[in-house]
Amino acid sequence: MAVVSVAAFVIWATPWRPASQLAPATDFAAGLASQAYGEFGWPELTATVTSIYQELPAEQRRSAVIITERYIQASALDYYQSAAGLPAIFSPKRGFGYFGAPPDNAETVLWVGSTKADLQARFTTVVAAAKFGVRLGMPQVTRDITIWKCTGPIQPWSTMWPIMQTL
């Protein structure tokens, strides 16, 4: 009986249509509700962030980190981090924030997501580096987001990070 139940579940849970026939999620909640959208856009997000990182002057790359607005983005970038040659990745959201704060000498941040107004409260310079999105990406995760280049943290990370962390 257990074998039949497992087989039925696998058949039910497998997406039988190709990605080209799937409709994009209409909002973040719809994206979360559908397993089909889980990893769409992860390689493309990593490639975009890697390109921006590689364009930084060598001096900025040495002290650069990546921070993401959502822990899902941090997970995606962390998954591909070694192969892409990315620096340390952080996110103040959920449990990912407890993996540690950026070092206090991190002067350049590539921030995935968020708004310019939020970031201007934390940095002296905030510039949009890229707009990003893939058709089947989750809204606000791998679709309709901005990747920001931020420099000059207003406070040390050891002070800011505990305030920024949320569950």
Protein backbone atom coordinates (compact mmCIF):
# COMPACT_ATOMS: atom_id res chain seq x y z
CA MET A 1 0.00 0.00 0.00
CA ALA A 2 2.82 2.41 0.88
CA VAL A 3 4.46 1.81 -2.50
CA VAL A 4 1.22 2.62 -4.31
CA SER A 5 0.79 5.79 -2.24
CA VAL A 6 4.34 6.95 -2.99
CA ALA A 7 3.95 6.20 -6.70
CA ALA A 8 0.65 8.09 -6.84
CA PHE A 9 2.22 11.08 -5.10
CA VAL A 10 5.19 11.15 -7.50
CA ILE A 11 2.86 11.08 -10.50
CA TRP A 12 0.68 13.81 -8.99
CA ALA A 13 3.62 16.04 -7.97
CA THR A 14 5.60 15.84 -11.22
CA PRO A 15 5.11 18.87 -13.48
CA TRP A 16 4.08 17.33 -16.78
CA ARG A 17 4.25 20.48 -18.84
CA PRO A 18 7.48 22.01 -20.13
CA ALA A 19 8.59 25.30 -18.55
CA SER A 20 7.59 27.18 -21.71
CA GLN A 21 3.94 26.26 -21.01
CA LEU A 22 3.89 27.29 -17.34
CA ALA A 23 2.34 30.63 -16.46
CA PRO A 24 4.42 33.00 -14.31
CA ALA A 25 3.41 33.35 -10.66
CA THR A 26 1.33 36.47 -10.17
CA ASP A 27 2.74 37.40 -6.75
CA PHE A 28 5.16 36.21 -4.09
CA ALA A 29 2.55 34.09 -2.27
CA ALA A 30 1.59 32.31 -5.50
CA GLY A 31 5.26 31.61 -6.18
CA LEU A 32 5.72 30.11 -2.72
CA ALA A 33 2.58 28.01 -3.11
CA SER A 34 3.91 26.38 -6.26
CA GLN A 35 6.92 24.08 -6.11
CA ALA A 36 7.26 24.58 -9.87
CA TYR A 37 8.84 28.01 -9.44
CA GLY A 38 11.39 27.00 -6.80
CA GLU A 39 14.72 27.25 -8.60
CA PHE A 40 13.76 29.07 -11.79
CA GLY A 41 16.22 31.91 -12.27
CA TRP A 42 18.93 30.77 -9.84
CA PRO A 43 21.65 30.31 -12.50
CA GLU A 44 20.66 33.56 -14.22
CA LEU A 45 20.67 35.49 -10.93
CA THR A 46 24.11 34.11 -10.13
CA ALA A 47 25.41 35.03 -13.59
CA THR A 48 24.11 38.59 -13.27
CA VAL A 49 25.57 39.11 -9.79
CA THR A 50 28.86 37.54 -10.90
CA SER A 51 29.08 39.89 -13.87
CA ILE A 52 28.51 42.94 -11.66
CA TYR A 53 31.05 41.66 -9.12
CA GLN A 54 33.69 41.08 -11.81
CA GLU A 55 33.19 44.63 -13.12
CA LEU A 56 34.14 46.11 -9.73
CA PRO A 57 37.65 47.58 -9.50
CA ALA A 58 40.09 45.13 -7.87
CA GLU A 59 40.31 47.29 -4.74
CA GLN A 60 36.53 47.16 -4.24
CA ARG A 61 36.36 43.41 -4.96
CA ARG A 62 38.80 42.72 -2.11
CA SER A 63 36.36 44.09 0.49
CA ALA A 64 33.08 43.31 -1.29
CA VAL A 65 30.28 41.13 0.01
CA ILE A 66 26.87 40.20 -1.31
CA ILE A 67 23.74 40.75 0.76
CA THR A 68 20.28 39.65 -0.31
CA GLU A 69 16.90 40.95 0.71
CA ARG A 70 15.46 37.43 0.92
CA TYR A 71 17.05 34.30 2.30
CA ILE A 72 15.95 32.37 -0.82
CA GLN A 73 18.21 34.62 -2.92
CA ALA A 74 21.09 34.04 -0.51
CA SER A 75 20.52 30.29 -0.78
CA ALA A 76 20.57 30.45 -4.58
CA LEU A 77 23.79 32.46 -4.68
CA ASP A 78 25.38 30.32 -1.98
CA TYR A 79 24.59 27.20 -4.00
CA TYR A 80 26.61 28.51 -6.98
CA GLN A 81 29.13 30.60 -5.00
CA SER A 82 32.25 28.47 -5.43
CA ALA A 83 31.82 27.83 -9.14
CA ALA A 84 31.02 31.50 -9.80
CA GLY A 85 33.90 32.86 -7.71
CA LEU A 86 31.64 35.08 -5.63
CA PRO A 87 32.61 36.64 -2.30
CA ALA A 88 30.85 35.92 0.98
CA ILE A 89 27.04 35.97 0.84
CA PHE A 90 24.83 37.24 3.64
CA SER A 91 21.14 37.84 4.28
CA PRO A 92 19.60 39.36 7.40
CA LYS A 93 16.39 37.41 6.81
CA ARG A 94 15.25 34.37 8.70
CA GLY A 95 17.85 31.86 9.82
CA PHE A 96 20.37 32.94 7.18
CA GLY A 97 21.07 36.03 9.28
CA TYR A 98 22.46 33.87 12.06
CA PHE A 99 25.25 32.50 9.84
CA GLY A 100 27.06 35.73 10.63
CA ALA A 101 27.38 39.40 9.77
CA PRO A 102 29.55 40.91 7.07
CA PRO A 103 32.97 41.90 8.39
CA ASP A 104 33.29 45.51 9.51
CA ASN A 105 35.79 46.15 6.69
CA ALA A 106 33.18 45.27 4.01
CA GLU A 107 32.91 48.66 2.30
CA THR A 108 31.32 47.55 -0.98
CA VAL A 109 28.07 45.59 -1.07
CA LEU A 110 26.17 44.13 -3.98
CA TRP A 111 22.66 44.12 -2.54
CA VAL A 112 20.10 41.88 -4.24
CA GLY A 113 16.58 43.26 -3.84
CA SER A 114 15.35 45.96 -1.47
CA THR A 115 14.60 49.59 -2.31
CA LYS A 116 16.83 52.58 -2.84
CA ALA A 117 15.23 54.41 0.09
CA ASP A 118 15.97 51.53 2.51
CA LEU A 119 19.56 51.27 1.34
CA GLN A 120 20.21 55.02 1.44
CA ALA A 121 19.55 54.84 5.17
CA ARG A 122 22.52 52.42 5.48
CA PHE A 123 25.07 53.58 2.86
CA THR A 124 26.58 56.83 1.62
CA THR A 125 26.28 55.75 -2.04
CA VAL A 126 23.57 53.57 -3.60
CA VAL A 127 23.48 52.95 -7.36
CA ALA A 128 21.28 50.55 -9.33
CA ALA A 129 23.66 48.10 -11.02
CA ALA A 130 21.05 45.97 -12.81
CA LYS A 131 17.38 45.15 -13.07
CA PHE A 132 16.82 41.42 -12.97
CA GLY A 133 14.07 38.98 -13.71
CA VAL A 134 13.28 35.73 -15.45
CA ARG A 135 9.83 34.89 -16.80
CA LEU A 136 9.15 32.04 -14.38
CA GLY A 137 11.02 33.56 -11.47
CA MET A 138 9.30 34.15 -8.17
CA PRO A 139 8.18 37.77 -7.86
CA GLN A 140 10.60 39.75 -5.66
CA VAL A 141 13.03 36.81 -5.61
CA THR A 142 14.14 36.09 -9.17
CA ARG A 143 11.76 38.43 -10.98
CA ASP A 144 11.26 42.20 -10.77
CA ILE A 145 14.25 42.95 -8.55
CA THR A 146 17.10 45.43 -8.59
CA ILE A 147 20.70 44.61 -7.81
CA TRP A 148 22.34 47.58 -6.10
CA LYS A 149 25.96 48.60 -5.71
CA CYS A 150 26.30 50.19 -2.27
CA THR A 151 29.40 51.74 -0.73
CA GLY A 152 30.24 53.43 2.53
CA PRO A 153 28.21 51.72 5.25
CA ILE A 154 27.00 54.40 7.67
CA GLN A 155 27.64 52.16 10.71
CA PRO A 156 29.90 49.16 11.32
CA TRP A 157 28.29 45.87 10.34
CA SER A 158 28.68 44.61 13.89
CA THR A 159 26.29 47.40 14.92
CA MET A 160 23.88 47.29 11.95
CA TRP A 161 23.47 43.54 11.52
CA PRO A 162 21.62 42.72 14.75
CA ILE A 163 19.15 45.54 14.01
CA MET A 164 18.61 44.31 10.43
CA GLN A 165 17.99 40.66 11.30
CA THR A 166 14.40 39.44 11.08
CA LEU A 167 12.74 36.08 11.44
